[in-house]
Amino acid sequence: MKISIEKKYPNVIAFLLFENGISLLNFDNLPNEKEFFYSDKEGFFKENLFKKSILCGSQCIIKPNGETVVRNGEYRIDNMAEHLKPKNWAILFPTEE
């Protein structure tokens, strides 16, 4: 089942990262131009964002202003995108008044 977030969040681009050594089959047949598959060959993301070794995977949201949310464990990408709703994001990053 393909889970897409582009209709609900048109300004979001999803990058799917795989650890070095994981084969990416059918790499030439990407689902669409807003989903990108990469191998973290140099370990940059593992060292800087996904520091815990999680068997079920991890996800993160990075906003242009640097605010970052990392979630470890099995979780659907459309559920992760719910954090982008302003009321949900404000819980994680309250604004100073």
Protein backbone atom coordinates (compact mmCIF):
# COMPACT_ATOMS: atom_id res chain seq x y z
CA MET A 1 0.00 0.00 0.00
CA LYS A 2 1.44 3.35 -1.00
CA ILE A 3 1.01 6.05 1.63
CA SER A 4 1.17 9.54 0.17
CA ILE A 5 1.27 12.82 2.06
CA GLU A 6 1.48 15.11 -0.97
CA LYS A 7 -2.27 15.85 -1.19
CA LYS A 8 -2.58 16.89 2.44
CA TYR A 9 0.86 18.54 2.67
CA PRO A 10 1.79 19.75 -0.84
CA ASN A 11 4.93 21.60 0.33
CA VAL A 12 6.47 18.52 1.96
CA ILE A 13 9.10 16.39 0.29
CA ALA A 14 9.69 12.89 1.67
CA PHE A 15 13.20 11.42 1.61
CA LEU A 16 13.54 7.73 2.42
CA LEU A 17 17.01 6.96 3.75
CA PHE A 18 18.53 3.52 3.99
CA GLU A 19 21.65 2.53 5.92
CA ASN A 20 24.74 1.63 3.97
CA GLY A 21 24.58 -1.99 2.85
CA ILE A 22 20.81 -2.13 2.25
CA SER A 23 20.02 -2.87 -1.38
CA LEU A 24 17.55 -0.57 -3.08
CA LEU A 25 15.66 -2.61 -5.67
CA ASN A 26 13.73 -0.91 -8.48
CA PHE A 27 15.61 2.33 -7.84
CA ASP A 28 14.92 3.52 -11.39
CA ASN A 29 11.15 3.30 -10.88
CA LEU A 30 10.59 5.95 -8.21
CA PRO A 31 6.91 6.37 -7.21
CA ASN A 32 6.83 10.08 -8.12
CA GLU A 33 9.04 13.15 -8.24
CA LYS A 34 8.24 14.10 -4.61
CA GLU A 35 9.59 10.88 -3.07
CA PHE A 36 13.31 10.24 -3.03
CA PHE A 37 15.22 7.12 -1.96
CA TYR A 38 18.81 7.50 -0.76
CA SER A 39 21.47 5.33 0.80
CA ASP A 40 23.22 6.99 3.76
CA LYS A 41 26.59 5.70 2.52
CA GLU A 42 28.67 8.06 4.63
CA GLY A 43 26.50 7.63 7.75
CA PHE A 44 25.76 11.37 8.04
CA PHE A 45 22.11 10.96 9.04
CA LYS A 46 22.83 8.00 11.32
CA GLU A 47 25.51 9.98 13.17
CA ASN A 48 23.62 13.28 13.36
CA LEU A 49 19.89 12.48 13.53
CA PHE A 50 19.26 8.79 14.02
CA LYS A 51 21.75 8.07 16.80
CA LYS A 52 19.81 5.18 18.34
CA SER A 53 19.87 1.85 16.53
CA ILE A 54 16.20 1.01 15.92
CA LEU A 55 15.16 -2.15 14.06
CA CYS A 56 11.81 -0.72 12.92
CA GLY A 57 13.32 2.48 11.55
CA SER A 58 13.12 6.15 12.42
CA GLN A 59 11.59 9.26 10.92
CA CYS A 60 12.24 12.95 11.24
CA ILE A 61 10.79 16.25 10.18
CA ILE A 62 13.18 19.13 9.57
CA LYS A 63 11.76 22.59 9.01
CA PRO A 64 13.71 25.31 7.18
CA ASN A 65 14.21 27.16 10.49
CA GLY A 66 16.05 24.13 11.94
CA GLU A 67 13.29 22.80 14.18
CA THR A 68 13.60 19.01 14.08
CA VAL A 69 11.44 16.17 15.36
CA VAL A 70 12.79 12.60 15.41
CA ARG A 71 10.58 9.61 16.09
CA ASN A 72 12.00 6.13 16.58
CA GLY A 73 10.11 2.93 15.83
CA GLU A 74 7.46 1.77 13.41
CA TYR A 75 5.22 4.66 12.40
CA ARG A 76 3.41 5.57 9.18
CA ILE A 77 4.67 8.60 7.29
CA ASP A 78 1.19 10.13 7.04
CA ASN A 79 0.86 9.90 10.83
CA MET A 80 4.28 11.52 11.22
CA ALA A 81 3.12 14.34 8.96
CA GLU A 82 0.31 15.11 11.43
CA HIS A 83 3.02 16.77 13.56
CA LEU A 84 3.10 19.48 10.88
CA LYS A 85 -0.34 20.76 11.82
CA PRO A 86 0.22 24.12 13.52
CA LYS A 87 -1.58 23.09 16.73
CA ASN A 88 0.56 19.93 17.00
CA TRP A 89 3.80 21.69 16.08
CA ALA A 90 3.11 24.38 18.71
CA ILE A 91 3.07 21.70 21.41
CA LEU A 92 6.56 20.60 20.39
CA PHE A 93 7.91 24.09 19.74
CA PRO A 94 5.93 26.65 21.75
CA THR A 95 6.47 30.26 20.72
CA GLU A 96 7.72 32.73 23.29
CA GLU A 97 5.34 35.56 24.05
